[in-house]
Amino acid sequence: MKETTIQIKADKNKINAIRLCLADKNVSLETEFTEFIDTLYRKYVPQSVRDFIEKTELTNQAEVRKKAARR
């Protein structure tokens, strides 16, 4: 899976407060954002599209393993 970076603008004081409160629960803001992205993905991306993406990723992984085995 290829990853990308998302940048958003938010109030610095709010972000700092969130980070402090999450730290008390041993949770990172990044983890929370990742889980939120996954929730949005499941909610809005149709199952057929998710299935296609999953099959494409599996095919790509198999090709990488084949190339590595040839070396």
Protein backbone atom coordinates (compact mmCIF):
# COMPACT_ATOMS: atom_id res chain seq x y z
CA MET A 1 0.00 0.00 0.00
CA LYS A 2 1.32 3.39 -0.95
CA GLU A 3 0.82 6.11 1.63
CA THR A 4 0.28 9.80 1.17
CA THR A 5 0.50 12.80 3.46
CA ILE A 6 -2.47 15.03 4.21
CA GLN A 7 -2.03 18.53 5.54
CA ILE A 8 -4.84 20.41 7.26
CA LYS A 9 -5.03 23.73 9.03
CA ALA A 10 -6.38 23.76 12.56
CA ASP A 11 -6.18 25.93 15.64
CA LYS A 12 -2.83 25.27 17.32
CA ASN A 13 -4.26 25.46 20.84
CA LYS A 14 -6.98 22.95 20.01
CA ILE A 15 -4.45 20.53 18.51
CA ASN A 16 -2.19 20.85 21.53
CA ALA A 17 -5.14 20.22 23.86
CA ILE A 18 -6.17 17.15 21.86
CA ARG A 19 -2.61 15.79 21.93
CA LEU A 20 -2.39 16.29 25.71
CA CYS A 21 -5.70 14.55 26.37
CA LEU A 22 -4.88 11.70 24.00
CA ALA A 23 -1.48 11.24 25.67
CA ASP A 24 -3.28 10.63 28.97
CA LYS A 25 -4.98 7.68 27.25
CA ASN A 26 -1.79 6.50 25.50
CA VAL A 27 -3.28 7.29 22.09
CA SER A 28 -1.67 9.35 19.33
CA LEU A 29 -3.40 11.89 17.14
CA GLU A 30 -1.97 10.11 14.10
CA THR A 31 -3.59 6.84 15.18
CA GLU A 32 -6.93 8.56 15.65
CA PHE A 33 -6.69 10.18 12.21
CA THR A 34 -5.80 6.85 10.61
CA GLU A 35 -8.81 5.19 12.21
CA PHE A 36 -11.01 8.08 11.08
CA ILE A 37 -9.77 7.79 7.49
CA ASP A 38 -10.56 4.05 7.59
CA THR A 39 -14.07 4.84 8.85
CA LEU A 40 -14.64 7.35 6.06
CA TYR A 41 -13.30 4.86 3.52
CA ARG A 42 -15.72 2.14 4.66
CA LYS A 43 -18.62 4.59 4.84
CA TYR A 44 -18.27 6.31 1.47
CA VAL A 45 -16.32 4.03 -0.87
CA PRO A 46 -18.61 1.39 -2.38
CA GLN A 47 -17.81 -2.23 -1.53
CA SER A 48 -17.16 -3.05 -5.18
CA VAL A 49 -14.48 -0.35 -5.36
CA ARG A 50 -12.90 -1.52 -2.08
CA ASP A 51 -12.85 -5.10 -3.43
CA PHE A 52 -11.15 -3.92 -6.62
CA ILE A 53 -8.53 -1.98 -4.68
CA GLU A 54 -7.85 -4.97 -2.44
CA LYS A 55 -7.44 -7.32 -5.41
CA THR A 56 -5.14 -4.83 -7.13
CA GLU A 57 -2.97 -4.58 -3.99
CA LEU A 58 -2.79 -8.36 -3.67
CA THR A 59 -1.78 -8.69 -7.32
CA ASN A 60 0.92 -6.04 -6.90
CA GLN A 61 2.28 -7.77 -3.79
CA ALA A 62 2.42 -11.10 -5.64
CA GLU A 63 4.34 -9.49 -8.51
CA VAL A 64 6.85 -7.95 -6.10
CA ARG A 65 7.40 -11.34 -4.45
CA LYS A 66 7.92 -13.00 -7.84
CA LYS A 67 10.50 -10.39 -8.85
CA ALA A 68 12.29 -10.78 -5.53
CA ALA A 69 12.37 -14.56 -5.91
CA ARG A 70 13.96 -14.26 -9.36
CA ARG A 71 16.94 -12.34 -7.98
